[in-house]
């Protein structure tokens, strides 16, 4: 959930048709510290095999070392090194398309003037009709100021656009919502709040994204108080819902009673603070919290948490969740027998799960599978379908319970690309909104076209 930079490259190689050549090439890549994410055979003859091998490296210099190691492999020729990530992003990853072809004057007159005037007048007389007769009902603003983009930090809104496009792609692909990236060239909370409030009539919901703490807390709270559509900072609540699902899965597998367990949260940034608050509200018990920032600790105490530190959490807590972005922060000797440890920083967790298990943890996992893409698409779809004015704690818990319930046997969470999961999350969120009296629309479950 807390991401750091990794570089991906696709290396095209021609190997001689001799047993062991590919295996030796993989060893060379591994010895150079590279990770192989996939291979694809392109051509094969009696003498040669041409393959694309996709590798992960730490940086450009590391890529060069890996490629040089591949070149040094006997009977291997490196043909090409490609950056398929940059190729995929050329001209952007999203576009707005018309739902209907304009292939006649009759159609033109229906979608534009003069026919559109009648629709405009109906909405002017009854603004609620905009939900039926415009795209507002499926439009979600994805808003960022670029101050906390993945693990890259404050790189600005323009550099954050590829991430916003990715979020929009996921929203459309998984649940059919139209996510529209909004880049704000300001870090001033007042300007952000006023700008988002001013453009809000265009949208059915607002997804705040990659806005740094503690500013994100005030921005979200004030916008939600001003607007009658859902406002959710995904780095907080989307992450917290998926993490809660993972905690539910871990406690089920270990037989741990969540309501009676002592829980510790290491790292009280946007994600960590929201995770701890959700767990406290769900269990009714204080969560131990640790952070280097005194401001974060003071805020956490005001929210009902217990100020703590790494040493105390590791010695006292049954369930430990870490979202610090600091690799190997938790030392093996700190692990207590029977603990559940979720070290969620990517790509390098606070402690390797295998190491934690070797030291006696009952369950350990990292952030590779615990990804907030499991949460935000279905949460927004459900809230929008119910036309709820906000996303409540109960709606988030319903999402978490659904995600946990749909995890395959032996897995912590389900596949994030399984559309059945996202539809189920949307249904659970919408039904919870109905039970709470928040729904303003007759709920019709989302079904793919």
Protein backbone atom coordinates (compact mmCIF):
# COMPACT_ATOMS: atom_id res chain seq x y z
CA UNK A 1 0.00 0.00 0.00
CA UNK A 2 2.94 2.32 0.54
CA UNK A 3 4.71 2.24 -2.81
CA UNK A 4 8.33 2.84 -3.76
CA UNK A 5 9.80 3.25 -7.22
CA UNK A 6 10.69 0.24 -9.37
CA UNK A 7 11.76 0.23 -13.01
CA UNK A 8 10.32 -2.21 -15.55
CA UNK A 9 11.94 -3.14 -18.85
CA UNK A 10 11.24 -5.70 -21.57
CA UNK A 11 14.38 -7.34 -22.94
CA UNK A 12 14.15 -9.21 -26.25
CA UNK A 13 16.67 -12.04 -26.48
CA UNK A 14 17.62 -14.72 -29.00
CA UNK A 15 18.73 -17.95 -27.34
CA UNK A 16 20.38 -20.85 -29.09
CA UNK A 17 18.30 -24.04 -29.05
CA UNK A 18 20.39 -25.79 -26.44
CA UNK A 19 19.12 -27.26 -23.17
CA UNK A 20 19.83 -25.10 -20.13
CA UNK A 21 20.36 -21.81 -21.99
CA UNK A 22 17.16 -20.19 -20.69
CA UNK A 23 17.67 -21.54 -17.18
CA UNK A 24 21.21 -20.14 -17.08
CA UNK A 25 19.92 -16.79 -18.36
CA UNK A 26 17.40 -16.65 -15.51
CA UNK A 27 20.20 -17.37 -13.05
CA UNK A 28 22.23 -14.49 -14.52
CA UNK A 29 19.26 -12.14 -14.06
CA UNK A 30 18.74 -13.31 -10.50
CA UNK A 31 22.41 -12.98 -9.62
CA UNK A 32 22.31 -9.39 -10.89
CA UNK A 33 19.42 -8.69 -8.48
CA UNK A 34 16.69 -8.55 -11.09
CA UNK A 35 13.13 -9.83 -10.76
CA UNK A 36 11.44 -11.57 -13.70
CA UNK A 37 7.74 -10.71 -14.03
CA UNK A 38 7.03 -12.63 -17.22
CA UNK A 39 8.29 -14.17 -20.44
CA UNK A 40 6.74 -14.51 -23.89
CA UNK A 41 7.98 -16.72 -26.70
CA UNK A 42 7.85 -14.87 -30.02
CA UNK A 43 9.48 -17.23 -32.54
CA UNK A 44 11.10 -20.65 -32.47
CA UNK A 45 13.22 -22.43 -35.07
CA UNK A 46 15.44 -25.48 -34.95
CA UNK A 47 18.36 -23.22 -34.08
CA UNK A 48 17.02 -20.26 -32.06
CA UNK A 49 14.22 -19.09 -29.75
CA UNK A 50 13.30 -15.39 -29.51
CA UNK A 51 11.65 -14.29 -26.26
CA UNK A 52 10.57 -11.11 -24.51
CA UNK A 53 11.59 -11.17 -20.86
CA UNK A 54 10.10 -8.52 -18.57
CA UNK A 55 12.32 -7.57 -15.64
CA UNK A 56 12.05 -5.30 -12.60
CA UNK A 57 15.04 -3.30 -11.35
CA UNK A 58 15.65 -0.68 -8.67
CA UNK A 59 16.77 2.10 -11.07
CA UNK A 60 18.28 2.77 -14.50
CA UNK A 61 21.78 1.83 -13.35
CA UNK A 62 20.47 -1.47 -12.05
CA UNK A 63 18.78 -2.10 -15.43
CA UNK A 64 22.16 -1.69 -17.13
CA UNK A 65 23.76 -4.21 -14.77
CA UNK A 66 21.04 -6.77 -15.41
CA UNK A 67 21.18 -6.32 -19.20
CA UNK A 68 24.98 -6.62 -19.18
CA UNK A 69 24.64 -9.84 -17.18
CA UNK A 70 22.17 -11.13 -19.78
CA UNK A 71 24.57 -10.22 -22.60
CA UNK A 72 27.30 -12.18 -20.83
CA UNK A 73 25.21 -15.36 -20.84
CA UNK A 74 26.62 -17.95 -23.27
CA UNK A 75 24.43 -18.62 -26.32
CA UNK A 76 22.25 -15.52 -25.63
CA UNK A 77 22.02 -12.41 -27.77
CA UNK A 78 20.23 -9.33 -26.45
CA UNK A 79 18.30 -7.87 -29.40
CA UNK A 80 16.43 -4.98 -27.81
CA UNK A 81 15.65 -3.27 -24.50
CA UNK A 82 12.23 -1.62 -24.46
CA UNK A 83 10.41 0.56 -21.98
CA UNK A 84 6.87 -0.73 -22.53
CA UNK A 85 5.57 1.37 -19.64
CA UNK A 86 6.46 4.60 -21.46
CA UNK A 87 5.12 3.19 -24.72
CA UNK A 88 1.78 2.38 -23.08
CA UNK A 89 1.48 5.87 -21.60
CA UNK A 90 2.06 7.75 -24.87
CA UNK A 91 -0.84 10.18 -25.51
CA UNK A 92 -2.37 9.08 -22.21
CA UNK A 93 -4.33 6.02 -21.14
CA UNK A 94 -7.88 7.37 -21.15
CA UNK A 95 -10.22 9.29 -23.48
CA UNK A 96 -13.81 10.53 -23.47
CA UNK A 97 -15.90 8.87 -26.17
CA UNK A 98 -19.44 9.46 -27.40
CA UNK A 99 -21.96 6.79 -26.38
CA UNK A 100 -23.86 7.21 -29.64
CA UNK A 101 -22.61 7.62 -33.23
CA UNK A 102 -23.58 10.92 -34.82
CA UNK A 103 -24.23 9.56 -38.29
CA UNK A 104 -27.21 11.61 -39.47
CA UNK A 105 -28.73 15.06 -39.17
CA UNK A 106 -31.61 13.54 -37.24
CA UNK A 107 -29.22 12.22 -34.60
CA UNK A 108 -27.36 15.55 -34.54
CA UNK A 109 -30.63 17.38 -33.85
CA UNK A 110 -31.45 14.95 -31.04
CA UNK A 111 -28.13 15.10 -29.20
CA UNK A 112 -27.52 18.80 -29.83
CA UNK A 113 -29.67 21.69 -30.94
CA UNK A 114 -32.63 21.93 -31.22
CA UNK A 115 -33.59 18.75 -29.35
CA UNK A 116 -31.25 19.27 -26.40
CA UNK A 117 -33.05 22.48 -25.42
CA UNK A 118 -36.05 20.52 -24.14
CA UNK A 119 -33.80 18.49 -21.84
CA UNK A 120 -32.09 21.64 -20.57
CA UNK A 121 -35.45 23.21 -19.71
CA UNK A 122 -36.60 20.10 -17.85
CA UNK A 123 -33.44 20.16 -15.72
CA UNK A 124 -33.82 23.91 -15.12
CA UNK A 125 -37.34 23.26 -13.80
CA UNK A 126 -36.27 20.20 -11.77
CA UNK A 127 -32.48 19.94 -11.11
CA UNK A 128 -32.85 16.38 -9.83
CA UNK A 129 -33.53 15.30 -13.42
CA UNK A 130 -29.84 15.90 -14.23
CA UNK A 131 -29.19 12.57 -12.52
CA UNK A 132 -31.36 10.86 -15.14
CA UNK A 133 -30.64 12.88 -18.27
CA UNK A 134 -26.89 13.62 -18.07
CA UNK A 135 -23.65 11.78 -17.44
CA UNK A 136 -23.38 13.23 -13.93
CA UNK A 137 -24.74 10.00 -12.42
CA UNK A 138 -21.63 8.06 -13.43
CA UNK A 139 -18.94 10.78 -13.33
CA UNK A 140 -16.37 10.74 -10.49
CA UNK A 141 -13.74 13.46 -10.06
CA UNK A 142 -10.27 12.11 -9.21
CA UNK A 143 -8.63 15.11 -7.58
CA UNK A 144 -4.97 15.56 -6.67
CA UNK A 145 -2.48 18.29 -5.84
CA UNK A 146 0.41 15.88 -6.40
CA UNK A 147 1.85 16.17 -2.90
CA UNK A 148 1.90 12.46 -2.00
CA UNK A 149 2.06 10.47 -5.23
CA UNK A 150 2.60 6.76 -4.48
CA UNK A 151 6.01 6.44 -2.82
CA UNK A 152 7.41 9.33 -4.86
CA UNK A 153 6.29 12.13 -2.56
CA UNK A 154 5.60 15.72 -3.63
CA UNK A 155 6.24 15.58 -7.38
CA UNK A 156 3.42 17.93 -8.35
CA UNK A 157 0.02 17.41 -9.99
CA UNK A 158 1.29 17.18 -13.57
CA UNK A 159 3.66 14.34 -12.72
CA UNK A 160 0.82 12.65 -10.85
CA UNK A 161 -1.43 12.56 -13.94
CA UNK A 162 -0.36 9.02 -15.00
CA UNK A 163 -1.55 7.73 -11.62
CA UNK A 164 -4.86 9.58 -11.92
CA UNK A 165 -5.35 8.09 -15.39
CA UNK A 166 -4.66 4.65 -13.94
CA UNK A 167 -7.32 5.19 -11.28
CA UNK A 168 -9.79 6.27 -13.95
CA UNK A 169 -9.00 3.17 -16.03
CA UNK A 170 -9.61 0.89 -13.05
CA UNK A 171 -12.86 2.63 -12.18
CA UNK A 172 -14.21 2.30 -15.73
CA UNK A 173 -12.92 -1.24 -16.32
CA UNK A 174 -14.00 -2.75 -13.02
CA UNK A 175 -17.31 -0.99 -12.28
CA UNK A 176 -18.22 1.19 -15.27
CA UNK A 177 -17.81 4.60 -13.63
CA UNK A 178 -16.28 7.50 -15.58
CA UNK A 179 -13.33 8.80 -13.58
CA UNK A 180 -12.15 12.27 -14.62
CA UNK A 181 -8.67 13.33 -13.42
CA UNK A 182 -8.57 16.85 -11.96
CA UNK A 183 -5.09 18.32 -11.41
CA UNK A 184 -4.94 21.25 -8.99
CA UNK A 185 -1.96 23.57 -9.30
CA UNK A 186 -2.08 24.63 -5.67
CA UNK A 187 -1.15 23.23 -2.26
CA UNK A 188 -3.33 25.68 -0.35
CA UNK A 189 -6.13 23.75 1.42
CA UNK A 190 -8.49 26.71 1.09
CA UNK A 191 -7.97 26.92 -2.67
CA UNK A 192 -8.35 23.15 -3.03
CA UNK A 193 -11.58 23.11 -1.03
CA UNK A 194 -13.08 26.08 -2.89
CA UNK A 195 -12.09 24.75 -6.31
CA UNK A 196 -13.48 21.26 -5.73
CA UNK A 197 -16.68 22.69 -4.28
CA UNK A 198 -17.08 24.91 -7.34
CA UNK A 199 -16.74 22.04 -9.86
CA UNK A 200 -18.73 19.54 -7.79
CA UNK A 201 -22.02 19.93 -9.77
CA UNK A 202 -20.34 18.03 -12.63
CA UNK A 203 -19.88 14.87 -10.57
CA UNK A 204 -21.68 12.15 -8.64
CA UNK A 205 -18.74 11.76 -6.25
CA UNK A 206 -15.29 13.14 -5.44
CA UNK A 207 -12.26 10.89 -5.01
CA UNK A 208 -9.38 12.73 -3.34
CA UNK A 209 -6.07 11.17 -4.29
CA UNK A 210 -2.40 11.52 -3.33
CA UNK A 211 -2.87 14.57 -1.09
CA UNK A 212 -0.39 14.67 1.77
CA UNK A 213 -1.20 14.40 5.47
CA UNK A 214 -2.21 16.19 7.61
CA UNK A 215 -3.74 18.56 5.02
CA UNK A 216 -5.82 15.73 3.55
CA UNK A 217 -7.82 15.30 6.77
CA UNK A 218 -9.14 18.86 6.83
CA UNK A 219 -9.71 18.96 3.07
CA UNK A 220 -11.84 15.82 3.12
CA UNK A 221 -13.83 16.74 6.23
CA UNK A 222 -14.69 20.23 5.06
CA UNK A 223 -15.59 19.21 1.52
CA UNK A 224 -17.88 16.45 2.75
CA UNK A 225 -19.60 18.94 5.07
CA UNK A 226 -20.12 21.34 2.14
CA UNK A 227 -21.30 18.88 -0.52
CA UNK A 228 -24.22 16.48 -0.79
CA UNK A 229 -22.25 13.90 -2.79
CA UNK A 230 -19.70 11.39 -1.46
CA UNK A 231 -16.18 12.71 -0.86
CA UNK A 232 -13.58 10.05 -0.06
CA UNK A 233 -9.82 10.30 0.27
CA UNK A 234 -8.87 6.91 -1.15
CA UNK A 235 -5.44 6.81 0.49
CA UNK A 236 -7.29 6.87 3.81
CA UNK A 237 -10.56 5.03 3.56
CA UNK A 238 -10.12 2.85 0.49
CA UNK A 239 -6.86 1.58 1.95
CA UNK A 240 -8.40 1.16 5.40
CA UNK A 241 -11.30 -0.93 4.06
CA UNK A 242 -8.98 -3.30 2.20
CA UNK A 243 -6.64 -3.53 5.18
CA UNK A 244 -9.60 -4.35 7.44
CA UNK A 245 -10.55 -7.13 5.01
CA UNK A 246 -7.00 -8.47 5.27
CA UNK A 247 -7.12 -8.31 9.07
CA UNK A 248 -10.43 -10.19 9.02
CA UNK A 249 -8.88 -12.84 6.79
CA UNK A 250 -5.77 -13.16 8.95
CA UNK A 251 -7.72 -13.44 12.20
CA UNK A 252 -10.01 -16.04 10.67
CA UNK A 253 -7.04 -18.14 9.58
CA UNK A 254 -5.37 -17.89 13.00
CA UNK A 255 -8.49 -18.12 15.17
CA UNK A 256 -7.78 -14.69 16.69
CA UNK A 257 -10.72 -12.81 18.22
CA UNK A 258 -10.53 -9.37 16.63
CA UNK A 259 -12.74 -7.71 19.25
CA UNK A 260 -10.49 -8.92 22.07
CA UNK A 261 -7.09 -8.59 20.37
CA UNK A 262 -4.62 -5.83 21.19
CA UNK A 263 -3.84 -4.00 17.94
CA UNK A 264 -0.89 -1.84 17.03
CA UNK A 265 -0.54 0.53 14.07
CA UNK A 266 3.00 1.54 13.08
CA UNK A 267 2.91 4.66 10.92
CA UNK A 268 0.11 7.21 11.34
CA UNK A 269 0.06 8.92 7.96
CA UNK A 270 -3.07 9.08 5.84
CA UNK A 271 -3.40 5.29 5.50
CA UNK A 272 -2.24 4.29 8.98
CA UNK A 273 -4.40 6.83 10.77
CA UNK A 274 -7.52 5.75 8.84
CA UNK A 275 -6.81 2.04 9.41
CA UNK A 276 -6.44 2.56 13.15
CA UNK A 277 -9.58 4.73 13.40
CA UNK A 278 -11.64 2.18 11.51
CA UNK A 279 -10.44 -0.64 13.76
CA UNK A 280 -11.14 1.40 16.90
CA UNK A 281 -14.64 2.23 15.77
CA UNK A 282 -15.29 -1.39 14.80
CA UNK A 283 -13.94 -3.03 17.96
CA UNK A 284 -14.57 -0.27 20.49
CA UNK A 285 -11.01 -0.70 21.76
CA UNK A 286 -8.07 1.74 21.56
CA UNK A 287 -5.30 0.94 19.06
CA UNK A 288 -1.65 1.44 19.95
CA UNK A 289 -0.11 3.95 17.51
CA UNK A 290 3.50 4.77 16.69
CA UNK A 291 4.89 7.51 14.47
CA UNK A 292 7.95 9.77 14.34
CA UNK A 293 5.69 12.82 14.13
CA UNK A 294 4.49 14.24 17.45
CA UNK A 295 1.70 16.02 15.59
CA UNK A 296 0.48 12.68 14.21
CA UNK A 297 0.62 11.09 17.66
CA UNK A 298 -1.28 13.98 19.26
CA UNK A 299 -3.97 13.81 16.58
CA UNK A 300 -4.20 10.05 17.06
CA UNK A 301 -4.68 10.43 20.82
CA UNK A 302 -7.49 12.94 20.25
CA UNK A 303 -9.20 10.33 18.05
CA UNK A 304 -9.11 7.80 20.88
CA UNK A 305 -5.84 6.01 20.11
CA UNK A 306 -3.09 5.17 22.54
CA UNK A 307 0.29 6.83 21.94
CA UNK A 308 2.98 4.16 21.74
CA UNK A 309 6.24 3.23 20.04
CA UNK A 310 7.68 0.43 17.95
CA UNK A 311 9.16 -1.47 20.87
CA UNK A 312 5.95 -1.44 22.93
CA UNK A 313 3.75 -2.40 19.97
CA UNK A 314 5.92 -5.38 19.10
CA UNK A 315 6.02 -6.57 22.71
CA UNK A 316 2.35 -5.98 23.60
CA UNK A 317 0.17 -6.29 20.51
CA UNK A 318 -1.48 -9.41 19.08
CA UNK A 319 -2.04 -7.77 15.67
CA UNK A 320 0.57 -5.45 14.16
CA UNK A 321 -0.03 -3.36 11.04
CA UNK A 322 2.79 -1.31 9.51
CA UNK A 323 2.46 1.38 6.80
CA UNK A 324 5.68 3.34 7.22
CA UNK A 325 7.49 2.94 3.90
CA UNK A 326 10.61 1.95 5.87
CA UNK A 327 12.06 -1.42 4.77
CA UNK A 328 13.14 -3.82 7.51
CA UNK A 329 11.94 -1.50 10.27
CA UNK A 330 10.71 -4.49 12.30
CA UNK A 331 13.71 -6.57 13.37
CA UNK A 332 13.33 -10.36 13.54
CA UNK A 333 14.03 -10.42 17.27
CA UNK A 334 11.05 -8.09 17.86
CA UNK A 335 8.53 -10.68 16.65
CA UNK A 336 6.52 -12.32 19.41
CA UNK A 337 5.17 -15.84 19.07
CA UNK A 338 1.57 -15.96 17.87
CA UNK A 339 1.44 -12.42 16.45
CA UNK A 340 -0.41 -11.45 13.28
CA UNK A 341 1.85 -9.09 11.31
CA UNK A 342 0.80 -7.16 8.21
CA UNK A 343 3.86 -5.26 6.92
CA UNK A 344 2.24 -3.38 4.06
CA UNK A 345 4.93 -1.15 2.56
CA UNK A 346 5.83 -1.96 -1.06
CA UNK A 347 8.01 -3.12 -2.64
CA UNK A 348 10.02 -3.75 0.53
CA UNK A 349 7.99 -4.47 3.68
CA UNK A 350 8.87 -3.55 7.26
CA UNK A 351 9.67 -7.24 7.75
CA UNK A 352 9.73 -10.09 5.27
CA UNK A 353 6.72 -12.37 5.98
CA UNK A 354 8.87 -15.52 5.82
CA UNK A 355 11.24 -14.06 8.41
CA UNK A 356 8.33 -13.13 10.68
CA UNK A 357 6.90 -16.65 10.40
CA UNK A 358 10.29 -18.19 11.16
CA UNK A 359 10.44 -16.09 14.32
CA UNK A 360 7.08 -17.41 15.53
CA UNK A 361 4.40 -15.17 14.00
CA UNK A 362 1.10 -17.01 13.59
CA UNK A 363 0.45 -15.12 10.35
CA UNK A 364 2.43 -12.63 8.28
CA UNK A 365 1.84 -10.89 4.97
CA UNK A 366 3.14 -7.92 3.00
CA UNK A 367 1.46 -5.32 0.81
CA UNK A 368 1.75 -7.11 -2.52
CA UNK A 369 -1.76 -8.53 -2.28
CA UNK A 370 -3.31 -5.95 0.04
CA UNK A 371 -4.06 -3.30 -2.59
CA UNK A 372 -6.68 -0.57 -2.36
CA UNK A 373 -7.83 -1.30 -5.91
CA UNK A 374 -9.93 -3.98 -4.20
CA UNK A 375 -11.88 -1.25 -2.45
CA UNK A 376 -12.41 2.10 -4.12
CA UNK A 377 -14.14 1.03 -7.38
CA UNK A 378 -16.92 -0.92 -5.67
CA UNK A 379 -17.22 1.57 -2.80
CA UNK A 380 -17.80 4.46 -5.19
CA UNK A 381 -20.08 2.40 -7.45
CA UNK A 382 -22.29 1.42 -4.53
CA UNK A 383 -22.44 4.95 -3.11
CA UNK A 384 -23.22 6.45 -6.52
CA UNK A 385 -25.85 3.85 -7.39
CA UNK A 386 -27.65 4.56 -4.13
CA UNK A 387 -27.18 8.31 -4.72
CA UNK A 388 -25.88 8.55 -1.16
CA UNK A 389 -24.69 11.98 0.02
CA UNK A 390 -21.68 10.41 1.79
CA UNK A 391 -19.79 7.19 2.43
CA UNK A 392 -20.36 6.11 6.00
CA UNK A 393 -18.22 3.97 8.30
CA UNK A 394 -20.81 1.23 8.00
CA UNK A 395 -20.58 1.29 4.20
CA UNK A 396 -16.80 0.89 4.42
CA UNK A 397 -17.14 -2.00 6.87
CA UNK A 398 -19.65 -3.66 4.52
CA UNK A 399 -17.07 -3.35 1.73
CA UNK A 400 -14.36 -4.88 3.94
CA UNK A 401 -16.57 -7.78 5.03
CA UNK A 402 -17.47 -8.52 1.40
CA UNK A 403 -13.84 -8.47 0.27
CA UNK A 404 -12.86 -10.80 3.14
CA UNK A 405 -15.77 -13.14 2.45
CA UNK A 406 -14.82 -13.48 -1.22
CA UNK A 407 -11.19 -14.41 -0.61
CA UNK A 408 -10.45 -17.93 -1.90
CA UNK A 409 -9.63 -20.61 0.67
CA UNK A 410 -6.15 -20.04 2.03
CA UNK A 411 -5.84 -16.55 0.49
CA UNK A 412 -5.86 -13.28 2.42
CA UNK A 413 -7.92 -11.32 -0.14
CA UNK A 414 -9.46 -12.06 -3.56
CA UNK A 415 -8.00 -11.27 -6.98
CA UNK A 416 -8.24 -7.46 -7.47
CA UNK A 417 -9.20 -7.94 -11.13
CA UNK A 418 -12.16 -10.21 -10.36
CA UNK A 419 -15.16 -8.11 -11.42
CA UNK A 420 -17.52 -10.28 -9.36
CA UNK A 421 -15.76 -8.98 -6.24
CA UNK A 422 -16.26 -5.35 -7.22
CA UNK A 423 -19.93 -5.89 -8.09
CA UNK A 424 -20.44 -7.61 -4.74
CA UNK A 425 -18.72 -4.74 -2.92
CA UNK A 426 -20.91 -2.22 -4.77
CA UNK A 427 -24.06 -4.12 -3.84
CA UNK A 428 -23.05 -4.38 -0.16
CA UNK A 429 -22.23 -0.67 0.01
CA UNK A 430 -25.49 0.36 -1.69
CA UNK A 431 -27.60 -1.94 0.48
CA UNK A 432 -25.94 -0.54 3.60
CA UNK A 433 -26.72 3.00 2.42
CA UNK A 434 -30.36 1.94 2.01
CA UNK A 435 -30.47 0.44 5.52
CA UNK A 436 -29.01 3.65 6.96
CA UNK A 437 -31.57 5.80 5.15
CA UNK A 438 -28.87 7.50 3.05
CA UNK A 439 -30.06 6.31 -0.36
CA UNK A 440 -31.86 8.86 -2.52
CA UNK A 441 -32.27 6.62 -5.55
CA UNK A 442 -33.94 3.27 -6.09
CA UNK A 443 -30.98 0.89 -6.15
CA UNK A 444 -30.37 -0.87 -9.46
CA UNK A 445 -27.30 -3.16 -9.28
CA UNK A 446 -24.58 -2.39 -11.78
CA UNK A 447 -24.54 -4.85 -14.66
CA UNK A 448 -21.96 -4.71 -17.43
CA UNK A 449 -23.19 -3.62 -20.84
